[in-house]
Protein backbone atom coordinates (compact mmCIF):
# COMPACT_ATOMS: atom_id res chain seq x y z
CA UNK A 1 148.26 -96.41 200.12
CA UNK A 2 149.87 -96.33 196.68
CA UNK A 3 148.78 -93.28 194.70
CA UNK A 4 147.70 -93.70 191.10
CA UNK A 5 149.87 -91.72 188.73
CA UNK A 6 148.23 -88.67 187.23
CA UNK A 7 149.77 -86.81 184.34
CA UNK A 8 150.33 -83.10 184.64
CA UNK A 9 148.13 -81.72 187.40
CA UNK A 10 144.81 -83.27 186.39
CA UNK A 11 142.94 -83.91 189.62
CA UNK A 12 141.03 -87.02 188.48
CA UNK A 13 142.76 -90.40 188.24
CA UNK A 14 143.44 -91.40 184.65
CA UNK A 15 144.32 -94.66 182.94
CA UNK A 16 141.93 -97.61 183.06
CA UNK A 17 140.28 -96.41 186.28
CA UNK A 18 139.64 -93.01 184.75
CA UNK A 19 138.34 -94.47 181.51
CA UNK A 20 135.78 -96.59 183.35
CA UNK A 21 134.35 -93.45 184.91
CA UNK A 22 134.45 -91.57 181.59
CA UNK A 23 132.56 -94.40 179.89
CA UNK A 24 129.70 -94.01 182.36
CA UNK A 25 129.66 -90.23 181.94
CA UNK A 26 129.69 -90.56 178.15
CA UNK A 27 126.77 -92.97 178.20
CA UNK A 28 124.75 -90.55 180.31
CA UNK A 29 125.54 -87.56 178.08
CA UNK A 30 125.38 -89.36 174.73
CA UNK A 31 121.94 -88.10 173.61
CA UNK A 32 122.68 -84.53 174.66
CA UNK A 33 126.07 -84.26 172.96
CA UNK A 34 124.96 -86.02 169.79
CA UNK A 35 121.93 -83.76 169.44
CA UNK A 36 124.09 -80.66 169.93
CA UNK A 37 126.69 -81.68 167.35
CA UNK A 38 124.08 -82.63 164.76
CA UNK A 39 122.13 -79.42 165.39
CA UNK A 40 125.32 -77.44 164.79
CA UNK A 41 125.92 -79.06 161.44
CA UNK A 42 127.96 -82.25 161.89
CA UNK A 43 127.36 -84.24 158.69
CA UNK A 44 128.78 -87.21 156.78
CA UNK A 45 132.10 -86.43 155.12
CA UNK A 46 133.16 -83.81 157.64
CA UNK A 47 136.44 -83.68 159.55
CA UNK A 48 136.29 -83.13 163.33
CA UNK A 49 138.95 -82.53 165.97
CA UNK A 50 138.13 -83.76 169.48
CA UNK A 51 140.43 -81.94 171.91
CA UNK A 52 140.85 -83.74 175.23
CA UNK A 53 139.00 -86.81 173.99
CA UNK A 54 139.27 -88.71 177.28
CA UNK A 55 137.66 -92.12 176.93
CA UNK A 56 137.20 -91.65 173.20
CA UNK A 57 133.43 -91.93 173.40
CA UNK A 58 132.59 -88.73 171.53
CA UNK A 59 135.27 -89.55 168.97
CA UNK A 60 133.63 -92.92 168.35
CA UNK A 61 130.17 -91.37 168.12
CA UNK A 62 131.23 -88.64 165.71
CA UNK A 63 133.19 -91.13 163.60
CA UNK A 64 129.94 -93.00 163.02
CA UNK A 65 128.25 -89.77 161.93
CA UNK A 66 130.93 -88.49 159.53
CA UNK A 67 131.32 -91.95 158.04
CA UNK A 68 134.07 -93.35 155.81
CA UNK A 69 134.40 -90.18 153.75
CA UNK A 70 134.97 -88.14 156.90
CA UNK A 71 137.45 -88.40 159.73
CA UNK A 72 137.95 -87.69 163.42
CA UNK A 73 141.23 -86.65 165.02
CA UNK A 74 141.19 -87.22 168.77
CA UNK A 75 143.88 -86.01 171.17
CA UNK A 76 144.45 -86.43 174.90
CA UNK A 77 147.49 -86.02 177.15
CA UNK A 78 146.88 -89.41 178.85
CA UNK A 79 148.80 -91.95 176.74
CA UNK A 80 147.28 -94.88 178.65
CA UNK A 81 143.75 -93.73 177.88
CA UNK A 82 144.68 -93.13 174.24
CA UNK A 83 145.94 -96.72 173.98
CA UNK A 84 142.66 -97.97 175.46
CA UNK A 85 140.71 -95.79 173.02
CA UNK A 86 142.63 -97.28 170.12
CA UNK A 87 141.75 -100.76 171.35
CA UNK A 88 138.06 -99.81 171.44
CA UNK A 89 138.23 -98.47 167.88
CA UNK A 90 139.93 -101.64 166.64
CA UNK A 91 137.41 -103.85 168.43
CA UNK A 92 134.51 -102.10 166.70
CA UNK A 93 136.17 -101.87 163.30
CA UNK A 94 136.23 -98.07 163.46
CA UNK A 95 139.03 -96.95 161.15
CA UNK A 96 138.32 -93.27 160.55
CA UNK A 97 139.74 -91.99 163.87
CA UNK A 98 143.33 -90.90 164.41
CA UNK A 99 144.18 -90.94 168.13
CA UNK A 100 147.20 -88.99 169.37
CA UNK A 101 148.68 -88.76 172.87
CA UNK A 102 149.48 -85.05 172.97
CA UNK A 103 148.74 -82.10 175.22
CA UNK A 104 146.04 -79.70 174.09
CA UNK A 105 148.62 -76.94 174.52
CA UNK A 106 150.79 -78.55 171.84
CA UNK A 107 148.33 -79.01 168.97
CA UNK A 108 149.42 -77.12 165.87
CA UNK A 109 146.76 -77.60 163.22
CA UNK A 110 145.90 -74.82 160.78
CA UNK A 111 142.51 -74.45 159.08
CA UNK A 112 142.08 -78.24 158.87
CA UNK A 113 138.74 -79.15 160.43
CA UNK A 114 135.05 -78.42 159.89
CA UNK A 115 134.33 -78.66 163.63
CA UNK A 116 136.60 -78.50 166.67
CA UNK A 117 135.07 -79.80 169.87
CA UNK A 118 135.94 -80.31 173.53
CA UNK A 119 134.03 -81.51 176.56
CA UNK A 120 135.11 -80.96 180.17
CA UNK A 121 138.63 -79.96 179.14
CA UNK A 122 139.00 -76.21 179.63
CA UNK A 123 137.96 -76.41 183.28
CA UNK A 124 141.03 -78.61 183.90
CA UNK A 125 143.56 -76.21 182.36
CA UNK A 126 145.61 -73.42 183.87
CA UNK A 127 145.50 -71.46 180.60
CA UNK A 128 142.19 -72.29 178.89
CA UNK A 129 142.25 -69.29 176.53
CA UNK A 130 145.54 -70.53 175.05
CA UNK A 131 143.96 -73.85 174.17
CA UNK A 132 140.77 -72.21 172.92
CA UNK A 133 142.85 -70.11 170.52
CA UNK A 134 144.60 -73.30 169.38
CA UNK A 135 141.16 -74.74 168.66
CA UNK A 136 140.26 -71.66 166.62
CA UNK A 137 143.52 -72.00 164.70
CA UNK A 138 142.67 -75.63 163.93
CA UNK A 139 139.24 -75.06 162.37
CA UNK A 140 138.61 -73.83 158.84
CA UNK A 141 137.26 -70.29 158.35
CA UNK A 142 133.51 -70.57 158.69
CA UNK A 143 133.86 -73.72 160.78
CA UNK A 144 132.42 -74.32 164.23
CA UNK A 145 134.04 -74.38 167.66
CA UNK A 146 131.87 -76.25 170.20
CA UNK A 147 132.65 -76.59 173.91
CA UNK A 148 130.80 -78.24 176.77
CA UNK A 149 132.06 -77.54 180.28
CA UNK A 150 131.05 -77.35 183.90
CA UNK A 151 129.78 -74.84 186.40
CA UNK A 152 130.51 -77.18 189.28
CA UNK A 153 128.79 -75.34 192.12
CA UNK A 154 125.57 -75.72 190.14
CA UNK A 155 125.42 -79.31 191.40
CA UNK A 156 122.52 -80.10 193.68
CA UNK A 157 120.95 -82.98 195.51
CA UNK A 158 117.69 -83.47 197.40
CA UNK A 159 117.30 -83.81 200.31
CA UNK A 160 120.45 -82.39 201.86
CA UNK A 161 123.46 -84.71 202.09
CA UNK A 162 126.61 -83.65 203.90
CA UNK A 163 128.82 -86.03 201.91
CA UNK A 164 127.54 -84.60 198.63
CA UNK A 165 128.08 -81.01 199.79
CA UNK A 166 131.61 -81.87 200.91
CA UNK A 167 132.30 -83.56 197.58
CA UNK A 168 131.30 -80.43 195.64
CA UNK A 169 133.40 -78.22 197.92
CA UNK A 170 136.42 -80.54 197.83
CA UNK A 171 136.39 -80.94 194.04
CA UNK A 172 136.24 -77.18 193.59
CA UNK A 173 139.04 -76.61 196.11
CA UNK A 174 141.29 -79.26 194.56
CA UNK A 175 140.77 -77.76 191.11
CA UNK A 176 141.52 -74.26 192.39
CA UNK A 177 144.68 -75.48 194.11
CA UNK A 178 145.93 -76.68 190.72
CA UNK A 179 145.07 -73.43 188.98
CA UNK A 180 141.93 -74.80 187.36
CA UNK A 181 138.45 -73.29 187.25
CA UNK A 182 135.62 -75.70 188.04
CA UNK A 183 133.23 -72.76 187.55
CA UNK A 184 134.40 -71.98 184.00
CA UNK A 185 131.06 -72.69 182.35
CA UNK A 186 129.65 -69.20 182.84
CA UNK A 187 132.94 -67.68 181.59
CA UNK A 188 132.91 -69.54 178.30
CA UNK A 189 130.96 -67.01 176.19
CA UNK A 190 133.46 -64.34 177.23
CA UNK A 191 136.41 -66.62 176.48
CA UNK A 192 134.95 -67.35 173.06
CA UNK A 193 134.73 -63.63 172.37
CA UNK A 194 138.32 -63.11 173.54
CA UNK A 195 139.44 -65.88 171.17
CA UNK A 196 137.89 -64.06 168.21
CA UNK A 197 134.96 -66.41 167.71
CA UNK A 198 131.81 -64.98 166.11
CA UNK A 199 128.10 -65.84 166.26
CA UNK A 200 128.49 -67.07 169.84
CA UNK A 201 125.53 -68.91 171.31
CA UNK A 202 125.04 -71.08 174.34
CA UNK A 203 122.60 -73.07 176.38
CA UNK A 204 122.68 -74.80 179.75
CA UNK A 205 121.68 -78.35 180.58
CA UNK A 206 121.59 -80.22 183.87
CA UNK A 207 120.62 -83.89 183.72
CA UNK A 208 119.21 -84.97 187.08
CA UNK A 209 118.44 -88.44 188.38
CA UNK A 210 116.77 -90.45 191.12
CA UNK A 211 118.08 -93.76 189.74
CA UNK A 212 120.47 -95.03 187.09
CA UNK A 213 124.06 -94.48 186.04
CA UNK A 214 123.88 -90.71 185.94
CA UNK A 215 123.05 -90.59 189.61
CA UNK A 216 126.32 -92.40 190.39
CA UNK A 217 128.59 -89.80 188.80
CA UNK A 218 129.15 -87.92 192.08
CA UNK A 219 130.19 -91.13 193.85
CA UNK A 220 132.42 -92.25 190.96
CA UNK A 221 134.10 -88.85 190.71
CA UNK A 222 134.72 -88.60 194.45
CA UNK A 223 136.34 -92.02 194.29
CA UNK A 224 138.59 -90.88 191.42
CA UNK A 225 139.71 -87.63 193.10
CA UNK A 226 140.47 -89.17 196.50
CA UNK A 227 144.19 -89.44 195.71
CA UNK A 228 144.35 -85.73 194.88
CA UNK A 229 142.39 -84.84 198.02
CA UNK A 230 144.91 -86.73 200.13
CA UNK A 231 147.92 -85.39 198.25
CA UNK A 232 146.70 -81.82 198.74
CA UNK A 233 145.83 -82.38 202.39
CA UNK A 234 142.17 -81.53 201.85
CA UNK A 235 140.91 -84.78 203.39
CA UNK A 236 142.26 -87.95 204.96
CA UNK A 237 141.83 -91.49 203.68
CA UNK A 238 139.55 -92.22 206.64
CA UNK A 239 137.32 -89.17 206.10
CA UNK A 240 137.02 -89.89 202.37
CA UNK A 241 136.03 -93.50 203.10
CA UNK A 242 133.25 -92.21 205.38
CA UNK A 243 132.13 -89.75 202.70
CA UNK A 244 132.02 -92.48 200.07
CA UNK A 245 129.95 -94.72 202.34
CA UNK A 246 127.46 -91.94 203.09
CA UNK A 247 127.24 -90.93 199.43
CA UNK A 248 126.79 -94.56 198.37
CA UNK A 249 123.85 -94.97 200.75
CA UNK A 250 122.32 -91.70 199.57
CA UNK A 251 122.74 -92.64 195.89
CA UNK A 252 121.19 -96.09 196.40
CA UNK A 253 118.01 -94.51 197.81
CA UNK A 254 115.61 -93.97 194.90
CA UNK A 255 113.73 -91.33 196.89
CA UNK A 256 116.75 -89.00 196.63
CA UNK A 257 117.84 -86.83 193.68
CA UNK A 258 121.34 -86.00 192.43
CA UNK A 259 122.21 -83.79 189.46
CA UNK A 260 125.26 -83.55 187.27
CA UNK A 261 127.12 -80.23 187.41
CA UNK A 262 125.46 -77.41 185.53
CA UNK A 263 126.80 -77.79 181.96
CA UNK A 264 127.31 -74.77 179.71
CA UNK A 265 127.36 -75.64 176.00
CA UNK A 266 128.85 -72.86 173.91
CA UNK A 267 129.40 -72.69 170.18
CA UNK A 268 130.43 -70.18 167.54
CA UNK A 269 132.04 -69.65 164.16
CA UNK A 270 135.64 -68.93 163.22
CA UNK A 271 136.29 -65.60 161.59
CA UNK A 272 138.68 -65.35 158.62
CA UNK A 273 141.65 -64.31 160.78
CA UNK A 274 142.58 -65.70 164.18
CA UNK A 275 143.38 -63.50 167.15
CA UNK A 276 147.05 -63.51 168.29
């Protein structure tokens, strides 16, 4: 089987296949993320940096909020996804987003944005505090840093499903093998403090479904990490195919329940001087 190319050591397939999954996830989380950003002060005319923008969905949403007098800068390491995001922006006539194919480790903005945001990025990095400090550097003094990220073992389903349990274990193991932390959510307030961020607050959400697109996120994610699972020797193509079949049957049953990972949403304010 030909493996899809993944940049760096990101465990989830990127490119068009990855964007399709991200579009579903973004649709599910749209009301939650929009409400958070607006509650934390995102207004017309502001300038926002979206670090690890993925499918560009949050960038598009925030561009509509900040309007023509504001702007969104969106960066992601996956150049194929960035090209697809640019196509989406052009198709909708959205012209206040600047997309850049660049690693989060390499951003070098200084005091430029009102809000710096990331979703499900830091859990996929070997050095998340380095990127968080880059985010602090990028925002203006008094500006907001807002992060949403996972506590993956917080996933649950009902009733028990072996394929779902294996999926959660395999994702966490694959992330750990690459030096990532799929449990980073609970660490985020401490990381914010270490990065010199003030007025730190957080909440936790966990959308849960018996039907609909959100319920399919476990299946879609398992399908998009299967190449990594095989490359790392965690599972075989045959065993993954059996898992996908079992999880598909479980997901199709509207008497069952599947949650997203537990999601920590953490925000705070930049102090006047960044921490080295």
